[in-house]
Amino acid sequence: MTRIDFHSNVPDTLAYVCRLVRKAYGAGQKVVVHGTPQQLSQLDARLWSFSPLDFLPHCGLDSPHAAVTPIILAATLDGVPHHQLLVNLAEQAPAQFASFERLIEVVGISAEARDAGRERYRFYRERGYPLTHHDIGQSAKGESA
């Protein structure tokens, strides 16, 4: 069964996803990031400039190199080449999430993002998935104190 983690109250979701992807890639995991085409375009640019010391090999699902690239940016999950870690930026639960070992839901700080995150949380809970919640806003407050 897919393990699902919610990371909520994330002030800059794209920067946060860059850090998640770097950590997962460093641990040898293959990652699919799911979101809207606009989110994925912005994430693509961020991944190239995120860290001058880290190379994060990534491409879109439509790339001919997708099958051999460890980080895939995908607006649809149809035909993704690997199913280890899925990071969701979209407002809806991805249709094929259950084919992944792990799902991380990244929820921003806006009221709309929180409401959509709550709906997804409820969706997974009602289907019996194990859920873990990490309040990033609380963590950040604790670190700065």
N, C-alpha and C. Protein backbone atom coordinates (compact mmCIF):
# COMPACT_ATOMS: atom_id res chain seq x y z
N MET A 1 0.84 -1.18 0.00
CA MET A 1 0.00 0.00 0.00
C MET A 1 0.89 1.25 0.00
N THR A 2 0.51 2.22 -0.76
CA THR A 2 1.26 3.47 -0.88
C THR A 2 1.33 4.19 0.46
N ARG A 3 2.53 4.57 0.84
CA ARG A 3 2.71 5.39 2.05
C ARG A 3 2.56 6.85 1.65
N ILE A 4 1.73 7.60 2.39
CA ILE A 4 1.44 8.98 2.02
C ILE A 4 1.84 9.94 3.13
N ASP A 5 2.66 10.92 2.77
CA ASP A 5 3.09 11.96 3.70
C ASP A 5 2.56 13.30 3.21
N PHE A 6 1.99 14.07 4.12
CA PHE A 6 1.56 15.43 3.82
C PHE A 6 2.56 16.39 4.43
N HIS A 7 3.08 17.29 3.63
CA HIS A 7 3.95 18.36 4.08
C HIS A 7 3.15 19.65 3.87
N SER A 8 2.65 20.22 4.96
CA SER A 8 1.74 21.36 4.84
C SER A 8 2.35 22.65 5.35
N ASN A 9 1.68 23.76 5.01
CA ASN A 9 2.13 25.11 5.37
C ASN A 9 3.50 25.42 4.81
N VAL A 10 3.72 25.00 3.57
CA VAL A 10 5.00 25.21 2.89
C VAL A 10 4.96 26.59 2.23
N PRO A 11 5.82 27.53 2.67
CA PRO A 11 5.77 28.90 2.15
C PRO A 11 6.15 29.01 0.67
N ASP A 12 7.14 28.26 0.21
CA ASP A 12 7.57 28.30 -1.19
C ASP A 12 7.61 26.86 -1.68
N THR A 13 6.52 26.42 -2.28
CA THR A 13 6.39 25.00 -2.63
C THR A 13 7.44 24.54 -3.62
N LEU A 14 7.80 25.38 -4.59
CA LEU A 14 8.78 24.95 -5.59
C LEU A 14 10.18 24.80 -4.99
N ALA A 15 10.58 25.72 -4.14
CA ALA A 15 11.87 25.60 -3.47
C ALA A 15 11.88 24.36 -2.58
N TYR A 16 10.77 24.10 -1.92
CA TYR A 16 10.65 22.93 -1.05
C TYR A 16 10.76 21.64 -1.86
N VAL A 17 10.09 21.61 -3.01
CA VAL A 17 10.16 20.43 -3.86
C VAL A 17 11.59 20.23 -4.37
N CYS A 18 12.28 21.30 -4.68
CA CYS A 18 13.69 21.17 -5.08
C CYS A 18 14.50 20.46 -3.98
N ARG A 19 14.28 20.86 -2.74
CA ARG A 19 15.00 20.22 -1.63
C ARG A 19 14.59 18.75 -1.47
N LEU A 20 13.30 18.46 -1.60
CA LEU A 20 12.83 17.07 -1.52
C LEU A 20 13.47 16.21 -2.62
N VAL A 21 13.47 16.75 -3.83
CA VAL A 21 14.02 16.01 -4.96
C VAL A 21 15.51 15.78 -4.77
N ARG A 22 16.23 16.80 -4.31
CA ARG A 22 17.67 16.64 -4.06
C ARG A 22 17.93 15.55 -3.02
N LYS A 23 17.15 15.56 -1.96
CA LYS A 23 17.32 14.55 -0.90
C LYS A 23 17.01 13.15 -1.43
N ALA A 24 15.91 13.01 -2.16
CA ALA A 24 15.54 11.70 -2.70
C ALA A 24 16.57 11.20 -3.71
N TYR A 25 16.99 12.09 -4.59
CA TYR A 25 17.99 11.71 -5.59
C TYR A 25 19.30 11.30 -4.91
N GLY A 26 19.70 12.04 -3.89
CA GLY A 26 20.91 11.71 -3.14
C GLY A 26 20.82 10.35 -2.45
N ALA A 27 19.60 9.93 -2.14
CA ALA A 27 19.37 8.63 -1.50
C ALA A 27 19.17 7.52 -2.54
N GLY A 28 19.31 7.86 -3.82
CA GLY A 28 19.19 6.87 -4.87
C GLY A 28 17.76 6.56 -5.29
N GLN A 29 16.82 7.39 -4.91
CA GLN A 29 15.43 7.15 -5.28
C GLN A 29 15.10 7.80 -6.62
N LYS A 30 14.17 7.18 -7.32
CA LYS A 30 13.64 7.75 -8.55
C LYS A 30 12.36 8.49 -8.20
N VAL A 31 12.20 9.68 -8.79
CA VAL A 31 11.13 10.59 -8.38
C VAL A 31 10.31 11.02 -9.60
N VAL A 32 9.01 11.08 -9.39
CA VAL A 32 8.11 11.70 -10.37
C VAL A 32 7.44 12.86 -9.65
N VAL A 33 7.54 14.06 -10.24
CA VAL A 33 6.85 15.23 -9.69
C VAL A 33 5.64 15.49 -10.57
N HIS A 34 4.48 15.51 -9.96
CA HIS A 34 3.22 15.70 -10.68
C HIS A 34 2.67 17.09 -10.38
N GLY A 35 2.25 17.78 -11.43
CA GLY A 35 1.68 19.12 -11.25
C GLY A 35 1.13 19.63 -12.55
N THR A 36 0.73 20.89 -12.55
CA THR A 36 0.23 21.51 -13.77
C THR A 36 1.41 21.82 -14.69
N PRO A 37 1.17 21.97 -15.98
CA PRO A 37 2.27 22.34 -16.88
C PRO A 37 2.99 23.62 -16.42
N GLN A 38 2.25 24.61 -15.93
CA GLN A 38 2.88 25.84 -15.46
C GLN A 38 3.79 25.57 -14.25
N GLN A 39 3.30 24.81 -13.28
CA GLN A 39 4.12 24.47 -12.11
C GLN A 39 5.38 23.73 -12.54
N LEU A 40 5.22 22.79 -13.46
CA LEU A 40 6.36 21.97 -13.89
C LEU A 40 7.37 22.79 -14.67
N SER A 41 6.92 23.74 -15.46
CA SER A 41 7.83 24.62 -16.18
C SER A 41 8.65 25.46 -15.20
N GLN A 42 7.99 25.99 -14.19
CA GLN A 42 8.69 26.78 -13.17
C GLN A 42 9.65 25.90 -12.37
N LEU A 43 9.22 24.69 -12.05
CA LEU A 43 10.09 23.77 -11.31
C LEU A 43 11.31 23.39 -12.14
N ASP A 44 11.11 23.15 -13.43
CA ASP A 44 12.22 22.83 -14.32
C ASP A 44 13.30 23.91 -14.23
N ALA A 45 12.89 25.17 -14.34
CA ALA A 45 13.85 26.28 -14.25
C ALA A 45 14.52 26.31 -12.89
N ARG A 46 13.77 26.07 -11.85
CA ARG A 46 14.35 26.09 -10.49
C ARG A 46 15.35 24.95 -10.29
N LEU A 47 15.05 23.77 -10.81
CA LEU A 47 15.95 22.64 -10.62
C LEU A 47 17.31 22.88 -11.27
N TRP A 48 17.34 23.62 -12.38
CA TRP A 48 18.61 23.91 -13.05
C TRP A 48 19.44 24.92 -12.26
N SER A 49 18.79 25.79 -11.52
CA SER A 49 19.52 26.85 -10.81
C SER A 49 19.47 26.72 -9.30
N PHE A 50 18.84 25.68 -8.80
CA PHE A 50 18.60 25.51 -7.36
C PHE A 50 19.88 25.50 -6.54
N SER A 51 20.84 24.70 -6.93
CA SER A 51 22.07 24.56 -6.16
C SER A 51 23.25 24.44 -7.11
N PRO A 52 24.23 25.33 -6.98
CA PRO A 52 25.39 25.26 -7.87
C PRO A 52 26.24 24.01 -7.64
N LEU A 53 26.05 23.34 -6.51
CA LEU A 53 26.86 22.17 -6.19
C LEU A 53 26.17 20.85 -6.51
N ASP A 54 24.89 20.90 -6.88
CA ASP A 54 24.14 19.67 -7.13
C ASP A 54 23.62 19.64 -8.56
N PHE A 55 23.83 18.50 -9.22
CA PHE A 55 23.21 18.28 -10.52
C PHE A 55 22.03 17.37 -10.28
N LEU A 56 20.84 17.83 -10.64
CA LEU A 56 19.62 17.06 -10.45
C LEU A 56 19.07 16.71 -11.84
N PRO A 57 19.47 15.52 -12.36
CA PRO A 57 19.05 15.15 -13.72
C PRO A 57 17.54 14.95 -13.80
N HIS A 58 16.90 15.75 -14.63
CA HIS A 58 15.45 15.69 -14.74
C HIS A 58 15.03 15.99 -16.17
N CYS A 59 13.81 15.59 -16.47
CA CYS A 59 13.23 15.88 -17.78
C CYS A 59 11.72 15.71 -17.69
N GLY A 60 11.05 16.14 -18.72
CA GLY A 60 9.62 15.94 -18.79
C GLY A 60 9.30 14.52 -19.21
N LEU A 61 8.10 14.10 -18.91
CA LEU A 61 7.68 12.74 -19.26
C LEU A 61 7.73 12.49 -20.77
N ASP A 62 7.55 13.54 -21.57
CA ASP A 62 7.55 13.39 -23.02
C ASP A 62 8.95 13.34 -23.63
N SER A 63 9.98 13.48 -22.82
CA SER A 63 11.35 13.43 -23.32
C SER A 63 11.73 12.01 -23.73
N PRO A 64 12.53 11.87 -24.80
CA PRO A 64 13.00 10.53 -25.18
C PRO A 64 13.93 9.92 -24.12
N HIS A 65 14.41 10.74 -23.18
CA HIS A 65 15.31 10.25 -22.14
C HIS A 65 14.59 9.91 -20.83
N ALA A 66 13.28 10.02 -20.82
CA ALA A 66 12.52 9.82 -19.58
C ALA A 66 12.76 8.45 -18.94
N ALA A 67 12.89 7.43 -19.74
CA ALA A 67 13.05 6.08 -19.20
C ALA A 67 14.34 5.91 -18.40
N VAL A 68 15.34 6.73 -18.69
CA VAL A 68 16.63 6.60 -18.00
C VAL A 68 16.95 7.79 -17.10
N THR A 69 16.00 8.68 -16.93
CA THR A 69 16.21 9.87 -16.10
C THR A 69 15.57 9.65 -14.73
N PRO A 70 16.31 9.89 -13.64
CA PRO A 70 15.77 9.58 -12.31
C PRO A 70 14.72 10.55 -11.79
N ILE A 71 14.61 11.74 -12.39
CA ILE A 71 13.63 12.73 -11.92
C ILE A 71 12.76 13.12 -13.11
N ILE A 72 11.48 12.81 -13.02
CA ILE A 72 10.55 13.06 -14.12
C ILE A 72 9.54 14.11 -13.68
N LEU A 73 9.29 15.09 -14.55
CA LEU A 73 8.27 16.10 -14.32
C LEU A 73 7.09 15.74 -15.21
N ALA A 74 5.91 15.50 -14.59
CA ALA A 74 4.80 14.94 -15.35
C ALA A 74 3.47 15.57 -15.00
N ALA A 75 2.78 16.05 -16.02
CA ALA A 75 1.42 16.59 -15.83
C ALA A 75 0.40 15.45 -15.83
N THR A 76 0.77 14.30 -16.34
CA THR A 76 -0.04 13.09 -16.30
C THR A 76 0.86 11.95 -15.86
N LEU A 77 0.28 10.94 -15.25
CA LEU A 77 1.09 9.81 -14.80
C LEU A 77 1.00 8.63 -15.74
N ASP A 78 0.30 8.80 -16.85
CA ASP A 78 0.20 7.74 -17.85
C ASP A 78 1.58 7.48 -18.45
N GLY A 79 2.07 6.27 -18.29
CA GLY A 79 3.33 5.88 -18.90
C GLY A 79 4.58 6.32 -18.19
N VAL A 80 4.49 6.70 -16.91
CA VAL A 80 5.73 7.07 -16.21
C VAL A 80 6.62 5.84 -16.10
N PRO A 81 7.95 6.02 -16.21
CA PRO A 81 8.85 4.87 -16.27
C PRO A 81 9.20 4.25 -14.91
N HIS A 82 8.95 4.94 -13.83
CA HIS A 82 9.24 4.36 -12.52
C HIS A 82 8.20 4.79 -11.51
N HIS A 83 8.09 4.01 -10.42
CA HIS A 83 7.00 4.20 -9.46
C HIS A 83 7.48 4.14 -8.01
N GLN A 84 8.61 4.75 -7.75
CA GLN A 84 9.14 4.73 -6.40
C GLN A 84 8.55 5.86 -5.56
N LEU A 85 8.82 7.12 -5.91
CA LEU A 85 8.37 8.27 -5.15
C LEU A 85 7.62 9.24 -6.06
N LEU A 86 6.42 9.62 -5.62
CA LEU A 86 5.62 10.60 -6.33
C LEU A 86 5.48 11.83 -5.44
N VAL A 87 5.79 13.00 -5.98
CA VAL A 87 5.59 14.27 -5.28
C VAL A 87 4.46 14.98 -6.01
N ASN A 88 3.39 15.32 -5.28
CA ASN A 88 2.23 15.94 -5.90
C ASN A 88 2.15 17.42 -5.56
N LEU A 89 2.09 18.24 -6.62
CA LEU A 89 1.87 19.68 -6.48
C LEU A 89 0.45 20.07 -6.90
N ALA A 90 -0.24 19.15 -7.55
CA ALA A 90 -1.57 19.44 -8.08
C ALA A 90 -2.60 19.54 -6.96
N GLU A 91 -3.72 20.20 -7.25
CA GLU A 91 -4.78 20.37 -6.25
C GLU A 91 -5.61 19.11 -6.06
N GLN A 92 -5.54 18.17 -7.00
CA GLN A 92 -6.28 16.93 -6.89
C GLN A 92 -5.34 15.77 -6.64
N ALA A 93 -5.90 14.70 -6.08
CA ALA A 93 -5.13 13.47 -5.90
C ALA A 93 -4.85 12.89 -7.29
N PRO A 94 -3.62 12.52 -7.58
CA PRO A 94 -3.31 11.93 -8.88
C PRO A 94 -4.04 10.59 -9.05
N ALA A 95 -4.59 10.37 -10.21
CA ALA A 95 -5.40 9.17 -10.46
C ALA A 95 -4.61 7.88 -10.22
N GLN A 96 -3.34 7.84 -10.58
CA GLN A 96 -2.55 6.60 -10.47
C GLN A 96 -1.62 6.59 -9.26
N PHE A 97 -1.93 7.35 -8.21
CA PHE A 97 -1.03 7.44 -7.06
C PHE A 97 -0.75 6.08 -6.42
N ALA A 98 -1.73 5.16 -6.47
CA ALA A 98 -1.59 3.87 -5.80
C ALA A 98 -0.54 2.98 -6.44
N SER A 99 -0.05 3.34 -7.62
CA SER A 99 0.99 2.54 -8.26
C SER A 99 2.39 2.90 -7.76
N PHE A 100 2.48 3.89 -6.86
CA PHE A 100 3.76 4.33 -6.31
C PHE A 100 3.97 3.78 -4.91
N GLU A 101 5.24 3.56 -4.54
CA GLU A 101 5.56 3.11 -3.19
C GLU A 101 5.25 4.19 -2.17
N ARG A 102 5.53 5.44 -2.54
CA ARG A 102 5.36 6.55 -1.60
C ARG A 102 4.87 7.79 -2.34
N LEU A 103 4.04 8.56 -1.66
CA LEU A 103 3.52 9.81 -2.19
C LEU A 103 3.76 10.91 -1.17
N ILE A 104 4.31 12.02 -1.62
CA ILE A 104 4.43 13.20 -0.77
C ILE A 104 3.54 14.28 -1.35
N GLU A 105 2.60 14.72 -0.56
CA GLU A 105 1.69 15.80 -0.93
C GLU A 105 2.28 17.09 -0.36
N VAL A 106 2.55 18.06 -1.21
CA VAL A 106 3.11 19.35 -0.79
C VAL A 106 1.99 20.37 -0.82
N VAL A 107 1.69 20.95 0.36
CA VAL A 107 0.56 21.87 0.50
C VAL A 107 1.09 23.25 0.91
N GLY A 108 0.75 24.24 0.10
CA GLY A 108 1.20 25.60 0.36
C GLY A 108 0.47 26.28 1.50
N ILE A 109 0.69 27.58 1.65
CA ILE A 109 0.14 28.31 2.79
C ILE A 109 -1.15 29.06 2.48
N SER A 110 -1.53 29.16 1.22
CA SER A 110 -2.75 29.91 0.89
C SER A 110 -3.98 29.13 1.37
N ALA A 111 -5.06 29.85 1.56
CA ALA A 111 -6.32 29.22 1.99
C ALA A 111 -6.77 28.19 0.96
N GLU A 112 -6.62 28.50 -0.32
CA GLU A 112 -7.02 27.57 -1.38
C GLU A 112 -6.18 26.30 -1.33
N ALA A 113 -4.88 26.45 -1.14
CA ALA A 113 -4.00 25.28 -1.07
C ALA A 113 -4.33 24.42 0.14
N ARG A 114 -4.58 25.06 1.27
CA ARG A 114 -4.94 24.31 2.49
C ARG A 114 -6.26 23.56 2.31
N ASP A 115 -7.25 24.22 1.72
CA ASP A 115 -8.55 23.56 1.49
C ASP A 115 -8.40 22.36 0.56
N ALA A 116 -7.66 22.53 -0.52
CA ALA A 116 -7.43 21.42 -1.46
C ALA A 116 -6.66 20.30 -0.77
N GLY A 117 -5.67 20.66 0.06
CA GLY A 117 -4.91 19.65 0.80
C GLY A 117 -5.78 18.87 1.76
N ARG A 118 -6.69 19.57 2.43
CA ARG A 118 -7.62 18.88 3.34
C ARG A 118 -8.51 17.90 2.59
N GLU A 119 -8.95 18.28 1.41
CA GLU A 119 -9.79 17.39 0.59
C GLU A 119 -9.00 16.14 0.20
N ARG A 120 -7.75 16.32 -0.20
CA ARG A 120 -6.92 15.17 -0.57
C ARG A 120 -6.67 14.28 0.65
N TYR A 121 -6.39 14.89 1.78
CA TYR A 121 -6.16 14.13 3.01
C TYR A 121 -7.38 13.27 3.31
N ARG A 122 -8.56 13.87 3.26
CA ARG A 122 -9.82 13.16 3.51
C ARG A 122 -10.01 12.02 2.50
N PHE A 123 -9.71 12.30 1.24
CA PHE A 123 -9.82 11.30 0.16
C PHE A 123 -8.98 10.06 0.49
N TYR A 124 -7.72 10.26 0.84
CA TYR A 124 -6.84 9.13 1.15
C TYR A 124 -7.26 8.41 2.44
N ARG A 125 -7.62 9.18 3.46
CA ARG A 125 -8.03 8.60 4.74
C ARG A 125 -9.25 7.71 4.57
N GLU A 126 -10.23 8.19 3.79
CA GLU A 126 -11.45 7.41 3.56
C GLU A 126 -11.16 6.10 2.83
N ARG A 127 -10.05 6.01 2.14
CA ARG A 127 -9.69 4.80 1.43
C ARG A 127 -8.72 3.92 2.22
N GLY A 128 -8.41 4.34 3.44
CA GLY A 128 -7.61 3.51 4.34
C GLY A 128 -6.11 3.60 4.18
N TYR A 129 -5.62 4.63 3.51
CA TYR A 129 -4.17 4.76 3.34
C TYR A 129 -3.52 5.26 4.62
N PRO A 130 -2.33 4.75 4.95
CA PRO A 130 -1.60 5.28 6.11
C PRO A 130 -1.10 6.69 5.80
N LEU A 131 -1.42 7.64 6.67
CA LEU A 131 -1.08 9.04 6.45
C LEU A 131 -0.19 9.57 7.55
N THR A 132 0.78 10.37 7.14
CA THR A 132 1.64 11.06 8.09
C THR A 132 1.59 12.54 7.72
N HIS A 133 1.55 13.39 8.75
CA HIS A 133 1.46 14.82 8.50
C HIS A 133 2.67 15.53 9.09
N HIS A 134 3.28 16.39 8.31
CA HIS A 134 4.41 17.21 8.74
C HIS A 134 4.03 18.67 8.51
N ASP A 135 3.93 19.44 9.58
CA ASP A 135 3.60 20.86 9.46
C ASP A 135 4.90 21.63 9.32
N ILE A 136 5.22 21.98 8.09
CA ILE A 136 6.50 22.63 7.79
C ILE A 136 6.53 24.03 8.39
N GLY A 137 5.40 24.71 8.41
CA GLY A 137 5.32 26.05 9.01
C GLY A 137 5.70 26.02 10.47
N GLN A 138 5.23 25.01 11.19
CA GLN A 138 5.57 24.87 12.62
C GLN A 138 7.06 24.54 12.78
N SER A 139 7.58 23.68 11.90
CA SER A 139 8.99 23.33 11.97
C SER A 139 9.86 24.55 11.75
N ALA A 140 9.50 25.35 10.76
CA ALA A 140 10.29 26.55 10.45
C ALA A 140 10.25 27.55 11.61
N LYS A 141 9.09 27.66 12.25
CA LYS A 141 8.99 28.58 13.39
C LYS A 141 9.87 28.10 14.53
N GLY A 142 9.88 26.80 14.76
CA GLY A 142 10.70 26.25 15.83
C GLY A 142 12.18 26.42 15.58
N GLU A 143 12.60 26.31 14.30
CA GLU A 143 14.01 26.46 13.97
C GLU A 143 14.48 27.88 14.09
N SER A 144 13.62 28.83 13.83
CA SER A 144 14.06 30.23 13.87
C SER A 144 14.03 30.82 15.28
N ALA A 145 13.44 30.11 16.20
CA ALA A 145 13.33 30.63 17.58
C ALA A 145 14.62 30.43 18.35
